[in-house]
């Protein structure tokens, strides 16, 4: 509604205006409209750090970048699993469409499975002298064996 041009009415209208309160008081997680302070970001970092420590023992020949990729996917997969466990249904009951979280979980688990298989196979094929083999050398060795 526009403000009146009549000075008396306009003064009353302006007197009725007041500054609105913040719709999301500090600590109100339900009122957040952006992800800048989402606690999930910290959860991924914490879980990734835990997984990195475990992966250093499991795959000592893997590079830090490889372990970081696997640890990140493990952390994401765990968080997605928690989300799906909490919300239960992974398909829209009416349309049958798979929710994005379930689709993302499938993608992350597929990627993690491939990464894990490569690291496990390379660890098992590790030479007896204990020298780590690069991923590129291992893939070249596998493709050479497959070609013969």
Protein backbone atom coordinates (compact mmCIF):
# COMPACT_ATOMS: atom_id res chain seq x y z
CA UNK A 1 0.00 0.00 0.00
CA UNK A 2 1.50 3.35 -1.00
CA UNK A 3 2.12 6.05 1.55
CA UNK A 4 -0.46 8.83 1.48
CA UNK A 5 0.29 12.26 0.08
CA UNK A 6 -1.80 13.89 2.81
CA UNK A 7 0.75 15.09 5.43
CA UNK A 8 -1.45 14.19 8.42
CA UNK A 9 -2.23 10.68 7.15
CA UNK A 10 1.35 10.22 6.05
CA UNK A 11 2.64 11.06 9.56
CA UNK A 12 0.28 8.46 11.06
CA UNK A 13 1.37 5.86 8.52
CA UNK A 14 5.04 6.48 9.20
CA UNK A 15 4.38 6.33 12.97
CA UNK A 16 2.86 2.87 12.48
CA UNK A 17 5.94 1.61 10.68
CA UNK A 18 8.42 -0.24 12.83
CA UNK A 19 11.55 -2.12 12.09
CA UNK A 20 10.92 -5.85 11.90
CA UNK A 21 12.66 -8.22 14.27
CA UNK A 22 15.18 -10.71 12.96
CA UNK A 23 13.05 -13.71 11.93
CA UNK A 24 15.80 -16.12 12.94
CA UNK A 25 17.24 -15.34 16.37
CA UNK A 26 20.77 -16.48 17.16
CA UNK A 27 20.84 -20.24 17.58
CA UNK A 28 17.66 -20.86 15.60
CA UNK A 29 18.80 -23.52 13.10
CA UNK A 30 15.35 -23.75 11.50
CA UNK A 31 15.46 -20.16 10.30
CA UNK A 32 18.69 -20.47 8.32
CA UNK A 33 18.23 -19.86 4.62
CA UNK A 34 21.83 -20.45 3.56
CA UNK A 35 24.53 -22.98 4.29
CA UNK A 36 27.22 -20.62 5.55
CA UNK A 37 27.01 -21.85 9.13
CA UNK A 38 25.70 -25.35 8.61
CA UNK A 39 27.06 -27.76 11.20
CA UNK A 40 27.25 -30.50 8.52
CA UNK A 41 30.37 -28.88 7.07
CA UNK A 42 32.13 -29.45 10.37
CA UNK A 43 30.82 -33.01 10.52
CA UNK A 44 32.34 -33.83 7.13
CA UNK A 45 35.68 -32.36 8.20
CA UNK A 46 35.70 -34.24 11.51
CA UNK A 47 34.71 -37.55 9.95
CA UNK A 48 37.16 -37.12 7.09
CA UNK A 49 39.97 -36.56 9.61
CA UNK A 50 39.03 -39.75 11.44
CA UNK A 51 38.94 -41.74 8.21
CA UNK A 52 42.28 -40.30 7.06
CA UNK A 53 43.97 -41.67 10.16
CA UNK A 54 42.47 -45.13 9.54
CA UNK A 55 43.35 -45.08 5.85
CA UNK A 56 46.98 -44.23 6.56
CA UNK A 57 47.27 -47.59 8.31
CA UNK A 58 45.17 -49.53 5.79
CA UNK A 59 46.79 -48.12 2.63
CA UNK A 60 50.32 -46.96 3.49
CA UNK A 61 51.39 -46.90 -0.16
CA UNK A 62 48.55 -44.60 -1.24
CA UNK A 63 49.28 -40.93 -1.76
CA UNK A 64 47.77 -38.30 0.50
CA UNK A 65 45.50 -37.14 -2.34
CA UNK A 66 44.15 -40.66 -2.84
CA UNK A 67 43.53 -41.15 0.87
CA UNK A 68 41.86 -37.72 1.03
CA UNK A 69 39.47 -38.61 -1.82
CA UNK A 70 38.54 -41.92 -0.18
CA UNK A 71 38.16 -40.34 3.28
CA UNK A 72 35.97 -37.56 1.88
CA UNK A 73 33.71 -40.06 0.12
CA UNK A 74 33.53 -42.19 3.28
CA UNK A 75 32.51 -39.15 5.33
CA UNK A 76 29.90 -38.11 2.76
CA UNK A 77 28.52 -41.63 2.55
CA UNK A 78 28.21 -41.85 6.32
CA UNK A 79 26.39 -38.49 6.51
CA UNK A 80 24.06 -39.43 3.64
CA UNK A 81 23.32 -42.73 5.35
CA UNK A 82 22.48 -40.90 8.56
CA UNK A 83 20.19 -38.54 6.65
CA UNK A 84 18.38 -41.37 4.87
CA UNK A 85 18.06 -43.33 8.11
CA UNK A 86 16.52 -40.30 9.78
CA UNK A 87 14.10 -39.49 6.95
CA UNK A 88 13.32 -43.07 6.04
CA UNK A 89 11.66 -42.89 2.65
CA UNK A 90 14.03 -42.55 -0.31
CA UNK A 91 11.31 -42.26 -2.96
CA UNK A 92 8.42 -39.88 -3.25
CA UNK A 93 5.40 -42.03 -2.42
CA UNK A 94 3.18 -40.23 -4.88
CA UNK A 95 5.47 -39.90 -7.91
CA UNK A 96 7.97 -42.69 -7.20
CA UNK A 97 10.86 -40.35 -7.97
CA UNK A 98 14.08 -41.10 -6.06
CA UNK A 99 15.07 -38.28 -3.72
CA UNK A 100 18.33 -36.48 -4.47
CA UNK A 101 19.98 -37.70 -1.25
CA UNK A 102 19.42 -41.33 -2.27
CA UNK A 103 20.75 -40.69 -5.77
CA UNK A 104 23.80 -38.94 -4.34
CA UNK A 105 24.37 -41.84 -1.95
CA UNK A 106 24.41 -44.25 -4.88
CA UNK A 107 26.94 -42.10 -6.77
CA UNK A 108 29.23 -41.67 -3.76
CA UNK A 109 29.11 -45.35 -2.85
CA UNK A 110 29.94 -46.34 -6.45
CA UNK A 111 32.87 -43.95 -6.53
CA UNK A 112 34.08 -45.13 -3.13
CA UNK A 113 33.81 -48.76 -4.18
CA UNK A 114 35.97 -48.15 -7.28
CA UNK A 115 38.56 -46.18 -5.32
CA UNK A 116 38.68 -48.81 -2.60
CA UNK A 117 39.11 -51.64 -5.14
CA UNK A 118 42.03 -49.86 -6.82
CA UNK A 119 43.80 -49.14 -3.53
CA UNK A 120 43.21 -52.68 -2.23
CA UNK A 121 44.46 -54.31 -5.43
CA UNK A 122 47.52 -52.09 -5.49
CA UNK A 123 48.25 -52.80 -1.83
CA UNK A 124 48.01 -56.55 -2.47
CA UNK A 125 50.27 -56.27 -5.52
CA UNK A 126 52.82 -54.26 -3.59
CA UNK A 127 56.34 -55.58 -4.08
CA UNK A 128 57.99 -57.54 -1.29
CA UNK A 129 60.59 -54.81 -0.79
CA UNK A 130 57.80 -52.56 0.48
CA UNK A 131 58.42 -49.72 -1.95
CA UNK A 132 55.13 -48.04 -2.85
CA UNK A 133 54.03 -48.19 -6.46
CA UNK A 134 52.44 -45.13 -8.06
CA UNK A 135 48.88 -45.35 -9.30
CA UNK A 136 50.02 -44.63 -12.85
CA UNK A 137 52.55 -47.50 -12.78
CA UNK A 138 49.96 -49.85 -11.33
CA UNK A 139 47.33 -48.99 -13.97
CA UNK A 140 49.96 -49.37 -16.72
CA UNK A 141 50.88 -52.78 -15.29
CA UNK A 142 47.21 -53.85 -15.19
CA UNK A 143 46.58 -52.72 -18.76
CA UNK A 144 49.74 -54.51 -19.94
CA UNK A 145 48.55 -57.74 -18.27
CA UNK A 146 45.09 -57.35 -19.80
CA UNK A 147 46.51 -56.84 -23.29
CA UNK A 148 48.54 -60.08 -23.21
